Amino acid sequence: MITPTLIAIIMSAGAAAGALGALLGLGGGVFLVPFLNLAVGLPFKVAGAISLMTVIATSSAVSARSAGRNLINLRLGMVLEMASAAGGLVAAMTLHLLPEHVLRLLFAIVTGGIAVFMLTRLSRRNVLDASVNPGRFGGRYHDDESGCEVVYRVKRLPVGLAASAMAGYVSGAFGLGGGTLKVPALNVWCGVPMRAAAATSGLMIGVTAVASVPIHYANGYLLPAHTAAAVLGVLIGSQAGFWYSDRAKARGLKLLMAGVLCTVSLLYFVHS
């Protein structure tokens, strides 16, 4: 039963998720799904469906904020999104076949593995000389942290497509938006700087979520009151995330992302 107190709690959790989502390009589901499932007591599949709705809200806010700063690599994002949307549809259609304890264990393994990848790349910067041609899928933008123009090329595009397909499945199955895979994949394997990876992921996660949300709704996993409270909280919290992202260093963002993923992974290993 939904109560005013529960609405306030879910909005607060949504605000925290929105701040993380805007800051790291994750969509915030990596925080919101465990909270709704373990703290509020909603079934995992319901928590994931609600989270996907907040992912759409986060994506809209992040994209609007980043649009005029050249951080979003639209060409790369749309190529990778074809694989992500396909993965999201497959997940939404097969989710009912997986027991909840299996979903929890897979969730723990995925988030833990990504955290390890991030920690191994803390000091690596994917930046080229400003005079270099970024190539067909690369990009350039002004970096406020260094005060210089950042130029990068995209490497290992097939690996990025495979990771995006997996991210789409993770999005549809776990309600994460897929940013937990997309941001590390773009940064670690494809050579995209952290800020550009987060902004591009922020655009992509909304499109991926839209591909699977209607199926979750048809299956009865979306609870209107809970979803509305979470979305409102996310829209409020994302503003705090934007404020901090303009002041944070790339290394600090990577550490924060790895810390969040490690915490969530441990929680789900314990409860799987």
C-alpha atoms as a PDB file:
ATOM      1  CA  MET A   1       0.000   0.000   0.000  1.00  0.00           C
ATOM      2  CA  ILE A   2       1.323   3.434  -0.976  1.00  0.00           C
ATOM      3  CA  THR A   3       1.442   6.061   1.803  1.00  0.00           C
ATOM      4  CA  PRO A   4       2.659   9.702   1.918  1.00  0.00           C
ATOM      5  CA  THR A   5       5.695   8.550   3.896  1.00  0.00           C
ATOM      6  CA  LEU A   6       6.556   5.912   1.300  1.00  0.00           C
ATOM      7  CA  ILE A   7       6.137   8.456  -1.495  1.00  0.00           C
ATOM      8  CA  ALA A   8       8.579  10.798   0.278  1.00  0.00           C
ATOM      9  CA  ILE A   9      11.067   7.953   0.752  1.00  0.00           C
ATOM     10  CA  ILE A  10      10.880   6.907  -2.901  1.00  0.00           C
ATOM     11  CA  MET A  11      11.260  10.532  -4.041  1.00  0.00           C
ATOM     12  CA  SER A  12      14.373  10.892  -1.885  1.00  0.00           C
ATOM     13  CA  ALA A  13      15.826   7.699  -3.320  1.00  0.00           C
ATOM     14  CA  GLY A  14      14.947   8.944  -6.796  1.00  0.00           C
ATOM     15  CA  ALA A  15      16.779  12.199  -6.092  1.00  0.00           C
ATOM     16  CA  ALA A  16      19.933  10.287  -5.118  1.00  0.00           C
ATOM     17  CA  ALA A  17      19.580   8.125  -8.231  1.00  0.00           C
ATOM     18  CA  GLY A  18      19.086  11.212 -10.398  1.00  0.00           C
ATOM     19  CA  ALA A  19      22.223  12.853  -9.027  1.00  0.00           C
ATOM     20  CA  LEU A  20      24.275   9.719  -9.757  1.00  0.00           C
ATOM     21  CA  GLY A  21      22.690   9.340 -13.168  1.00  0.00           C
ATOM     22  CA  ALA A  22      23.433  12.911 -14.233  1.00  0.00           C
ATOM     23  CA  LEU A  23      26.963  12.710 -12.828  1.00  0.00           C
ATOM     24  CA  LEU A  24      28.029   9.372 -14.307  1.00  0.00           C
ATOM     25  CA  GLY A  25      25.661   8.726 -17.209  1.00  0.00           C
ATOM     26  CA  LEU A  26      24.311   5.594 -15.494  1.00  0.00           C
ATOM     27  CA  GLY A  27      20.635   6.419 -15.370  1.00  0.00           C
ATOM     28  CA  GLY A  28      20.629   6.005 -11.591  1.00  0.00           C
ATOM     29  CA  GLY A  29      19.124   2.520 -11.702  1.00  0.00           C
ATOM     30  CA  VAL A  30      22.235   1.016 -10.146  1.00  0.00           C
ATOM     31  CA  PHE A  31      21.186   2.752  -6.913  1.00  0.00           C
ATOM     32  CA  LEU A  32      17.403   2.830  -7.289  1.00  0.00           C
ATOM     33  CA  VAL A  33      16.836  -0.863  -8.135  1.00  0.00           C
ATOM     34  CA  PRO A  34      18.579  -2.175  -4.974  1.00  0.00           C
ATOM     35  CA  PHE A  35      16.783   0.411  -2.849  1.00  0.00           C
ATOM     36  CA  LEU A  36      13.306  -0.385  -4.165  1.00  0.00           C
ATOM     37  CA  ASN A  37      13.979  -4.122  -3.998  1.00  0.00           C
ATOM     38  CA  LEU A  38      15.891  -4.509  -0.717  1.00  0.00           C
ATOM     39  CA  ALA A  39      14.692  -1.510   1.323  1.00  0.00           C
ATOM     40  CA  VAL A  40      11.135  -0.918   0.078  1.00  0.00           C
ATOM     41  CA  GLY A  41      10.459  -4.603  -0.569  1.00  0.00           C
ATOM     42  CA  LEU A  42       9.202  -4.409  -4.144  1.00  0.00           C
ATOM     43  CA  PRO A  43       9.803  -7.466  -6.365  1.00  0.00           C
ATOM     44  CA  PHE A  44      12.985  -7.220  -8.431  1.00  0.00           C
ATOM     45  CA  LYS A  45      11.088  -7.089 -11.728  1.00  0.00           C
ATOM     46  CA  VAL A  46       8.832  -4.274 -10.468  1.00  0.00           C
ATOM     47  CA  ALA A  47      11.832  -2.310  -9.152  1.00  0.00           C
ATOM     48  CA  GLY A  48      13.563  -2.694 -12.509  1.00  0.00           C
ATOM     49  CA  ALA A  49      10.511  -1.517 -14.458  1.00  0.00           C
ATOM     50  CA  ILE A  50      10.113   1.582 -12.263  1.00  0.00           C
ATOM     51  CA  SER A  51      13.824   2.300 -12.625  1.00  0.00           C
ATOM     52  CA  LEU A  52      13.553   2.178 -16.413  1.00  0.00           C
ATOM     53  CA  MET A  53      10.982   4.976 -16.306  1.00  0.00           C
ATOM     54  CA  THR A  54      13.372   7.099 -14.243  1.00  0.00           C
ATOM     55  CA  VAL A  55      16.124   6.285 -16.753  1.00  0.00           C
ATOM     56  CA  ILE A  56      14.065   7.979 -19.466  1.00  0.00           C
ATOM     57  CA  ALA A  57      13.707  11.062 -17.254  1.00  0.00           C
ATOM     58  CA  THR A  58      17.446  11.121 -16.477  1.00  0.00           C
ATOM     59  CA  SER A  59      18.340  10.707 -20.139  1.00  0.00           C
ATOM     60  CA  SER A  60      16.136  13.635 -21.132  1.00  0.00           C
ATOM     61  CA  ALA A  61      17.690  15.884 -18.489  1.00  0.00           C
ATOM     62  CA  VAL A  62      21.280  14.852 -19.303  1.00  0.00           C
ATOM     63  CA  SER A  63      20.787  15.255 -23.050  1.00  0.00           C
ATOM     64  CA  ALA A  64      19.234  18.712 -22.676  1.00  0.00           C
ATOM     65  CA  ARG A  65      22.093  19.816 -20.438  1.00  0.00           C
ATOM     66  CA  SER A  66      24.909  18.419 -22.619  1.00  0.00           C
ATOM     67  CA  ALA A  67      23.528  19.278 -26.063  1.00  0.00           C
ATOM     68  CA  GLY A  68      25.315  22.615 -26.470  1.00  0.00           C
ATOM     69  CA  ARG A  69      28.710  21.478 -25.148  1.00  0.00           C
ATOM     70  CA  ASN A  70      29.660  18.924 -27.863  1.00  0.00           C
ATOM     71  CA  LEU A  71      30.020  16.230 -25.212  1.00  0.00           C
ATOM     72  CA  ILE A  72      27.422  13.938 -26.811  1.00  0.00           C
ATOM     73  CA  ASN A  73      28.860  11.942 -29.708  1.00  0.00           C
ATOM     74  CA  LEU A  74      25.591  11.568 -31.600  1.00  0.00           C
ATOM     75  CA  ARG A  75      26.937   9.550 -34.542  1.00  0.00           C
ATOM     76  CA  LEU A  76      28.661   6.992 -32.309  1.00  0.00           C
ATOM     77  CA  GLY A  77      25.732   6.882 -29.892  1.00  0.00           C
ATOM     78  CA  MET A  78      23.156   6.100 -32.560  1.00  0.00           C
ATOM     79  CA  VAL A  79      25.302   3.360 -34.129  1.00  0.00           C
ATOM     80  CA  LEU A  80      25.761   1.671 -30.758  1.00  0.00           C
ATOM     81  CA  GLU A  81      22.114   2.223 -29.861  1.00  0.00           C
ATOM     82  CA  MET A  82      20.948  -0.155 -32.590  1.00  0.00           C
ATOM     83  CA  ALA A  83      22.645  -2.979 -30.693  1.00  0.00           C
ATOM     84  CA  SER A  84      21.404  -1.694 -27.319  1.00  0.00           C
ATOM     85  CA  ALA A  85      17.760  -1.469 -28.386  1.00  0.00           C
ATOM     86  CA  ALA A  86      17.880  -5.028 -29.727  1.00  0.00           C
ATOM     87  CA  GLY A  87      19.332  -6.272 -26.435  1.00  0.00           C
ATOM     88  CA  GLY A  88      16.663  -4.433 -24.457  1.00  0.00           C
ATOM     89  CA  LEU A  89      13.850  -6.000 -26.461  1.00  0.00           C
ATOM     90  CA  VAL A  90      15.272  -9.507 -25.979  1.00  0.00           C
ATOM     91  CA  ALA A  91      15.543  -8.933 -22.216  1.00  0.00           C
ATOM     92  CA  ALA A  92      12.000  -7.611 -21.878  1.00  0.00           C
ATOM     93  CA  MET A  93      10.606 -10.624 -23.746  1.00  0.00           C
ATOM     94  CA  THR A  94      12.599 -13.222 -21.757  1.00  0.00           C
ATOM     95  CA  LEU A  95      12.636 -11.645 -18.279  1.00  0.00           C
ATOM     96  CA  HIS A  96       9.662 -13.664 -17.017  1.00  0.00           C
ATOM     97  CA  LEU A  97      11.603 -16.882 -17.654  1.00  0.00           C
ATOM     98  CA  LEU A  98      14.329 -16.110 -15.079  1.00  0.00           C
ATOM     99  CA  PRO A  99      13.880 -16.746 -11.315  1.00  0.00           C
ATOM    100  CA  GLU A 100      14.481 -13.739  -9.055  1.00  0.00           C
ATOM    101  CA  HIS A 101      17.514 -15.237  -7.271  1.00  0.00           C
ATOM    102  CA  VAL A 102      19.202 -15.773 -10.649  1.00  0.00           C
ATOM    103  CA  LEU A 103      18.571 -12.121 -11.591  1.00  0.00           C
ATOM    104  CA  ARG A 104      20.108 -10.985  -8.303  1.00  0.00           C
ATOM    105  CA  LEU A 105      23.221 -13.106  -8.785  1.00  0.00           C
ATOM    106  CA  LEU A 106      23.704 -11.947 -12.372  1.00  0.00           C
ATOM    107  CA  PHE A 107      23.231  -8.349 -11.235  1.00  0.00           C
ATOM    108  CA  ALA A 108      25.978  -8.784  -8.618  1.00  0.00           C
ATOM    109  CA  ILE A 109      28.408 -10.364 -11.096  1.00  0.00           C
ATOM    110  CA  VAL A 110      27.856  -7.700 -13.760  1.00  0.00           C
ATOM    111  CA  THR A 111      28.269  -4.707 -11.428  1.00  0.00           C
ATOM    112  CA  GLY A 112      31.295  -6.222  -9.650  1.00  0.00           C
ATOM    113  CA  GLY A 113      33.089  -6.984 -12.903  1.00  0.00           C
ATOM    114  CA  ILE A 114      32.553  -3.480 -14.244  1.00  0.00           C
ATOM    115  CA  ALA A 115      33.892  -1.945 -11.020  1.00  0.00           C
ATOM    116  CA  VAL A 116      37.148  -3.888 -11.427  1.00  0.00           C
ATOM    117  CA  PHE A 117      37.531  -2.623 -15.003  1.00  0.00           C
ATOM    118  CA  MET A 118      37.049   0.972 -13.881  1.00  0.00           C
ATOM    119  CA  LEU A 119      39.660   0.678 -11.116  1.00  0.00           C
ATOM    120  CA  THR A 120      42.266  -0.575 -13.594  1.00  0.00           C
ATOM    121  CA  ARG A 121      41.839   2.533 -15.741  1.00  0.00           C
ATOM    122  CA  LEU A 122      41.863   5.350 -13.174  1.00  0.00           C
ATOM    123  CA  SER A 123      44.883   7.208 -14.569  1.00  0.00           C
ATOM    124  CA  ARG A 124      44.309   6.535 -18.270  1.00  0.00           C
ATOM    125  CA  ARG A 125      43.139   9.505 -20.351  1.00  0.00           C
ATOM    126  CA  ASN A 126      41.922   8.992 -23.921  1.00  0.00           C
ATOM    127  CA  VAL A 127      43.064  12.339 -25.300  1.00  0.00           C
ATOM    128  CA  LEU A 128      44.895  13.122 -28.562  1.00  0.00           C
ATOM    129  CA  ASP A 129      46.694  16.227 -29.799  1.00  0.00           C
ATOM    130  CA  ALA A 130      44.207  18.945 -30.805  1.00  0.00           C
ATOM    131  CA  SER A 131      45.515  18.954 -34.400  1.00  0.00           C
ATOM    132  CA  VAL A 132      44.724  15.255 -34.934  1.00  0.00           C
ATOM    133  CA  ASN A 133      41.716  14.278 -37.065  1.00  0.00           C
ATOM    134  CA  PRO A 134      39.238  12.480 -34.769  1.00  0.00           C
ATOM    135  CA  GLY A 135      38.057  10.215 -37.575  1.00  0.00           C
ATOM    136  CA  ARG A 136      34.558   9.154 -38.535  1.00  0.00           C
ATOM    137  CA  PHE A 137      33.241   8.319 -35.068  1.00  0.00           C
ATOM    138  CA  GLY A 138      35.557  10.413 -32.875  1.00  0.00           C
ATOM    139  CA  GLY A 139      34.917  13.876 -31.528  1.00  0.00           C
ATOM    140  CA  ARG A 140      36.238  17.031 -29.926  1.00  0.00           C
ATOM    141  CA  TYR A 141      35.004  19.267 -27.118  1.00  0.00           C
ATOM    142  CA  HIS A 142      36.251  21.928 -24.714  1.00  0.00           C
ATOM    143  CA  ASP A 143      37.286  20.427 -21.372  1.00  0.00           C
ATOM    144  CA  ASP A 144      36.651  22.739 -18.414  1.00  0.00           C
ATOM    145  CA  GLU A 145      38.965  20.716 -16.152  1.00  0.00           C
ATOM    146  CA  SER A 146      42.088  21.238 -18.311  1.00  0.00           C
ATOM    147  CA  GLY A 147      40.939  24.381 -20.143  1.00  0.00           C
ATOM    148  CA  CYS A 148      41.921  22.794 -23.460  1.00  0.00           C
ATOM    149  CA  GLU A 149      40.208  21.250 -26.457  1.00  0.00           C
ATOM    150  CA  VAL A 150      39.962  17.468 -26.143  1.00  0.00           C
ATOM    151  CA  VAL A 151      40.192  15.309 -29.274  1.00  0.00           C
ATOM    152  CA  TYR A 152      39.615  11.549 -29.300  1.00  0.00           C
ATOM    153  CA  ARG A 153      39.248   8.697 -31.763  1.00  0.00           C
ATOM    154  CA  VAL A 154      36.991   5.688 -31.329  1.00  0.00           C
ATOM    155  CA  LYS A 155      38.785   2.329 -31.191  1.00  0.00           C
ATOM    156  CA  ARG A 156      37.447  -1.241 -31.252  1.00  0.00           C
ATOM    157  CA  LEU A 157      33.990  -0.344 -32.560  1.00  0.00           C
ATOM    158  CA  PRO A 158      32.935  -4.039 -32.867  1.00  0.00           C
ATOM    159  CA  VAL A 159      33.724  -4.480 -29.166  1.00  0.00           C
ATOM    160  CA  GLY A 160      31.627  -1.406 -28.440  1.00  0.00           C
ATOM    161  CA  LEU A 161      28.709  -2.869 -30.405  1.00  0.00           C
ATOM    162  CA  ALA A 162      28.931  -6.159 -28.484  1.00  0.00           C
ATOM    163  CA  ALA A 163      29.091  -4.303 -25.160  1.00  0.00           C
ATOM    164  CA  SER A 164      26.118  -2.166 -26.190  1.00  0.00           C
ATOM    165  CA  ALA A 165      24.034  -5.243 -26.995  1.00  0.00           C
ATOM    166  CA  MET A 166      24.880  -6.648 -23.575  1.00  0.00           C
ATOM    167  CA  ALA A 167      24.106  -3.260 -22.014  1.00  0.00           C
ATOM    168  CA  GLY A 168      20.708  -3.308 -23.699  1.00  0.00           C
ATOM    169  CA  TYR A 169      19.986  -6.717 -22.203  1.00  0.00           C
ATOM    170  CA  VAL A 170      21.160  -5.550 -18.776  1.00  0.00           C
ATOM    171  CA  SER A 171      18.914  -2.497 -19.137  1.00  0.00           C
ATOM    172  CA  GLY A 172      15.829  -4.510 -19.986  1.00  0.00           C
ATOM    173  CA  ALA A 173      16.487  -7.206 -17.375  1.00  0.00           C
ATOM    174  CA  PHE A 174      17.725  -5.139 -14.433  1.00  0.00           C
ATOM    175  CA  GLY A 175      16.302  -1.643 -15.026  1.00  0.00           C
ATOM    176  CA  LEU A 176      19.753  -0.046 -15.075  1.00  0.00           C
ATOM    177  CA  GLY A 177      19.511   1.869 -18.321  1.00  0.00           C
ATOM    178  CA  GLY A 178      22.654   0.048 -19.471  1.00  0.00           C
ATOM    179  CA  GLY A 179      24.933   2.932 -18.508  1.00  0.00           C
ATOM    180  CA  THR A 180      26.803   0.678 -16.080  1.00  0.00           C
ATOM    181  CA  LEU A 181      28.153  -1.151 -19.123  1.00  0.00           C
ATOM    182  CA  LYS A 182      28.119   1.601 -21.728  1.00  0.00           C
ATOM    183  CA  VAL A 183      30.207   4.170 -19.858  1.00  0.00           C
ATOM    184  CA  PRO A 184      33.048   1.758 -18.935  1.00  0.00           C
ATOM    185  CA  ALA A 185      32.958   0.188 -22.421  1.00  0.00           C
ATOM    186  CA  LEU A 186      33.186   3.551 -24.156  1.00  0.00           C
ATOM    187  CA  ASN A 187      35.915   4.756 -21.803  1.00  0.00           C
ATOM    188  CA  VAL A 188      38.021   1.608 -21.358  1.00  0.00           C
ATOM    189  CA  TRP A 189      37.686  -0.189 -24.702  1.00  0.00           C
ATOM    190  CA  CYS A 190      36.604   2.430 -27.234  1.00  0.00           C
ATOM    191  CA  GLY A 191      38.898   5.276 -26.165  1.00  0.00           C
ATOM    192  CA  VAL A 192      36.195   7.856 -25.376  1.00  0.00           C
ATOM    193  CA  PRO A 193      37.064  10.282 -22.517  1.00  0.00           C
ATOM    194  CA  MET A 194      35.014   9.879 -19.332  1.00  0.00           C
ATOM    195  CA  ARG A 195      32.927  13.055 -19.684  1.00  0.00           C
ATOM    196  CA  ALA A 196      32.058  12.371 -23.335  1.00  0.00           C
ATOM    197  CA  ALA A 197      31.338   8.722 -22.516  1.00  0.00           C
ATOM    198  CA  ALA A 198      28.947   9.747 -19.708  1.00  0.00           C
ATOM    199  CA  ALA A 199      27.136  12.314 -21.876  1.00  0.00           C
ATOM    200  CA  THR A 200      26.815   9.942 -24.846  1.00  0.00           C
ATOM    201  CA  SER A 201      25.601   7.169 -22.548  1.00  0.00           C
ATOM    202  CA  GLY A 202      23.111   9.611 -21.024  1.00  0.00           C
ATOM    203  CA  LEU A 203      21.503  10.019 -24.435  1.00  0.00           C
ATOM    204  CA  MET A 204      21.591   6.302 -25.281  1.00  0.00           C
ATOM    205  CA  ILE A 205      20.091   4.961 -22.051  1.00  0.00           C
ATOM    206  CA  GLY A 206      16.795   6.736 -22.648  1.00  0.00           C
ATOM    207  CA  VAL A 207      16.395   5.242 -26.123  1.00  0.00           C
ATOM    208  CA  THR A 208      17.255   1.777 -24.772  1.00  0.00           C
ATOM    209  CA  ALA A 209      14.720   2.120 -21.955  1.00  0.00           C
ATOM    210  CA  VAL A 210      11.955   3.211 -24.329  1.00  0.00           C
ATOM    211  CA  ALA A 211      12.448  -0.032 -26.274  1.00  0.00           C
ATOM    212  CA  SER A 212      11.576  -2.228 -23.282  1.00  0.00           C
ATOM    213  CA  VAL A 213       9.268  -0.151 -21.028  1.00  0.00           C
ATOM    214  CA  PRO A 214       6.057  -0.893 -22.993  1.00  0.00           C
ATOM    215  CA  ILE A 215       6.580  -4.637 -22.519  1.00  0.00           C
ATOM    216  CA  HIS A 216       7.156  -4.193 -18.777  1.00  0.00           C
ATOM    217  CA  TYR A 217       3.964  -2.126 -18.609  1.00  0.00           C
ATOM    218  CA  ALA A 218       2.026  -4.814 -20.460  1.00  0.00           C
ATOM    219  CA  ASN A 219       3.312  -7.395 -17.970  1.00  0.00           C
ATOM    220  CA  GLY A 220       1.998  -5.320 -15.050  1.00  0.00           C
ATOM    221  CA  TYR A 221       5.399  -4.456 -13.536  1.00  0.00           C
ATOM    222  CA  LEU A 222       4.869  -0.656 -13.505  1.00  0.00           C
ATOM    223  CA  LEU A 223       3.140   0.744 -10.400  1.00  0.00           C
ATOM    224  CA  PRO A 224       1.886   4.271 -11.294  1.00  0.00           C
ATOM    225  CA  ALA A 225       2.191   5.970  -7.870  1.00  0.00           C
ATOM    226  CA  HIS A 226       5.625   4.516  -7.095  1.00  0.00           C
ATOM    227  CA  THR A 227       6.840   5.367 -10.596  1.00  0.00           C
ATOM    228  CA  ALA A 228       5.624   8.970 -10.444  1.00  0.00           C
ATOM    229  CA  ALA A 229       7.348   9.536  -7.089  1.00  0.00           C
ATOM    230  CA  ALA A 230      10.618   8.078  -8.369  1.00  0.00           C
ATOM    231  CA  VAL A 231      10.571  10.125 -11.593  1.00  0.00           C
ATOM    232  CA  LEU A 232       9.917  13.396  -9.722  1.00  0.00           C
ATOM    233  CA  GLY A 233      12.795  12.641  -7.378  1.00  0.00           C
ATOM    234  CA  VAL A 234      15.121  11.869 -10.283  1.00  0.00           C
ATOM    235  CA  LEU A 235      14.348  15.154 -12.035  1.00  0.00           C
ATOM    236  CA  ILE A 236      15.135  17.070  -8.833  1.00  0.00           C
ATOM    237  CA  GLY A 237      18.300  15.121  -8.031  1.00  0.00           C
ATOM    238  CA  SER A 238      19.711  15.399 -11.531  1.00  0.00           C
ATOM    239  CA  GLN A 239      20.181  19.146 -11.011  1.00  0.00           C
ATOM    240  CA  ALA A 240      22.533  18.443  -8.085  1.00  0.00           C
ATOM    241  CA  GLY A 241      24.411  15.959 -10.250  1.00  0.00           C
ATOM    242  CA  PHE A 242      24.907  18.572 -12.979  1.00  0.00           C
ATOM    243  CA  TRP A 243      26.201  21.084 -10.454  1.00  0.00           C
ATOM    244  CA  TYR A 244      28.821  18.689  -9.111  1.00  0.00           C
ATOM    245  CA  SER A 245      29.842  17.271 -12.508  1.00  0.00           C
ATOM    246  CA  ASP A 246      31.035  20.714 -13.612  1.00  0.00           C
ATOM    247  CA  ARG A 247      33.433  20.784 -10.638  1.00  0.00           C
ATOM    248  CA  ALA A 248      34.563  17.157 -10.372  1.00  0.00           C
ATOM    249  CA  LYS A 249      37.746  15.710 -11.879  1.00  0.00           C
ATOM    250  CA  ALA A 250      37.589  12.753 -14.273  1.00  0.00           C
ATOM    251  CA  ARG A 251      39.583  10.537 -11.874  1.00  0.00           C
ATOM    252  CA  GLY A 252      37.138  11.343  -9.079  1.00  0.00           C
ATOM    253  CA  LEU A 253      34.186  10.407 -11.297  1.00  0.00           C
ATOM    254  CA  LYS A 254      35.787   7.045 -12.098  1.00  0.00           C
ATOM    255  CA  LEU A 255      36.425   6.353  -8.405  1.00  0.00           C
ATOM    256  CA  LEU A 256      32.852   7.274  -7.504  1.00  0.00           C
ATOM    257  CA  MET A 257      31.459   5.015 -10.210  1.00  0.00           C
ATOM    258  CA  ALA A 258      33.639   2.085  -9.123  1.00  0.00           C
ATOM    259  CA  GLY A 259      32.655   2.610  -5.479  1.00  0.00           C
ATOM    260  CA  VAL A 260      28.927   2.621  -6.260  1.00  0.00           C
ATOM    261  CA  LEU A 261      29.231  -0.532  -8.361  1.00  0.00           C
ATOM    262  CA  CYS A 262      31.281  -2.379  -5.715  1.00  0.00           C
ATOM    263  CA  THR A 263      28.743  -1.541  -2.994  1.00  0.00           C
ATOM    264  CA  VAL A 264      25.781  -2.694  -5.047  1.00  0.00           C
ATOM    265  CA  SER A 265      27.578  -5.860  -6.127  1.00  0.00           C
ATOM    266  CA  LEU A 266      28.336  -6.828  -2.531  1.00  0.00           C
ATOM    267  CA  LEU A 267      24.734  -6.181  -1.487  1.00  0.00           C
ATOM    268  CA  TYR A 268      23.399  -8.496  -4.138  1.00  0.00           C
ATOM    269  CA  PHE A 269      25.952 -11.219  -3.516  1.00  0.00           C
ATOM    270  CA  VAL A 270      24.754 -11.230   0.089  1.00  0.00           C
ATOM    271  CA  HIS A 271      21.056 -11.331  -0.874  1.00  0.00           C
ATOM    272  CA  SER A 272      21.247 -13.683  -3.873  1.00  0.00           C
END
